[in-house]
Protein backbone atom coordinates (compact mmCIF):
# COMPACT_ATOMS: atom_id res chain seq x y z
CA MET A 1 3.32 -75.02 48.34
CA SER A 2 3.95 -72.40 45.68
CA THR A 3 2.15 -69.22 44.84
CA THR A 4 1.64 -67.69 41.45
CA SER A 5 1.89 -63.95 41.04
CA ARG A 6 -0.17 -62.26 38.34
CA SER A 7 0.61 -58.84 37.00
CA ALA A 8 -2.03 -56.32 35.92
CA SER A 9 -1.18 -57.02 32.28
CA ASP A 10 -2.24 -60.67 32.79
CA LEU A 11 -5.78 -59.71 33.85
CA THR A 12 -8.37 -59.42 31.13
CA GLU A 13 -12.08 -58.62 30.91
CA ALA A 14 -14.63 -58.85 28.15
CA CYS A 15 -14.85 -55.68 26.05
CA GLU A 16 -18.17 -54.96 24.33
CA ASP A 17 -16.52 -52.79 21.67
CA CYS A 18 -13.66 -55.20 20.86
CA GLY A 19 -15.86 -58.30 21.18
CA ARG A 20 -13.14 -60.24 23.02
CA ASP A 21 -11.21 -60.42 26.30
CA THR A 22 -8.65 -57.62 26.48
CA PRO A 23 -6.48 -56.03 29.19
CA HIS A 24 -8.33 -53.37 31.17
CA SER A 25 -7.31 -50.57 33.51
CA VAL A 26 -9.57 -50.70 36.60
CA SER A 27 -10.11 -48.08 39.32
CA ILE A 28 -12.62 -47.24 42.05
CA GLU A 29 -13.92 -43.68 42.26
CA LEU A 30 -16.22 -41.96 44.77
CA ARG A 31 -18.76 -39.83 42.94
CA THR A 32 -21.16 -37.29 44.42
CA GLU A 33 -24.70 -37.87 43.22
CA SER A 34 -26.50 -34.91 44.82
CA ASP A 35 -26.51 -31.42 43.34
CA LYS A 36 -27.67 -29.95 46.66
CA ARG A 37 -24.73 -28.56 48.57
CA GLU A 38 -26.07 -29.54 52.02
CA ASN A 39 -26.47 -33.22 50.96
CA GLN A 40 -23.25 -33.74 49.00
CA GLU A 41 -21.27 -35.25 51.86
CA PHE A 42 -23.94 -37.96 52.26
CA SER A 43 -24.40 -38.75 48.58
CA ARG A 44 -21.01 -40.18 47.65
CA GLU A 45 -21.16 -43.60 46.05
CA PRO A 46 -18.38 -45.95 44.85
CA TYR A 47 -18.11 -46.61 41.13
CA ARG A 48 -15.94 -49.18 39.33
CA ILE A 49 -14.34 -47.61 36.26
CA THR A 50 -12.85 -49.92 33.64
CA GLU A 51 -11.05 -48.81 30.49
CA CYS A 52 -10.10 -51.19 27.69
CA VAL A 53 -6.39 -50.86 26.97
CA ALA A 54 -6.94 -51.94 23.34
CA CYS A 55 -9.73 -49.56 22.25
CA GLY A 56 -10.22 -47.07 25.12
CA ASN A 57 -13.87 -48.00 25.77
CA GLU A 58 -14.82 -46.92 29.32
CA THR A 59 -17.43 -48.68 31.45
CA VAL A 60 -18.81 -47.18 34.68
CA LEU A 61 -20.64 -49.40 37.21
CA ARG A 62 -22.17 -48.20 40.49
CA MET A 63 -20.95 -50.65 43.11
CA ASN A 64 -23.83 -50.70 45.62
CA ASN A 65 -27.05 -50.91 43.64
CA ALA A 66 -29.25 -51.68 46.61
């Protein structure tokens, strides 16, 4: 049994600006959604941030849209 290793440069996603599949930089970021100081610690939500390596277009997606 063999395994195949993929590097980050092998992974592509569709880019709306480019109109094709291109390499993307992907990260997860916790963002605070409340402006009220006493609620900030309870209002952090994970967001998936993708940036197209070809054109620089950034897409932000809230991860838990319940």
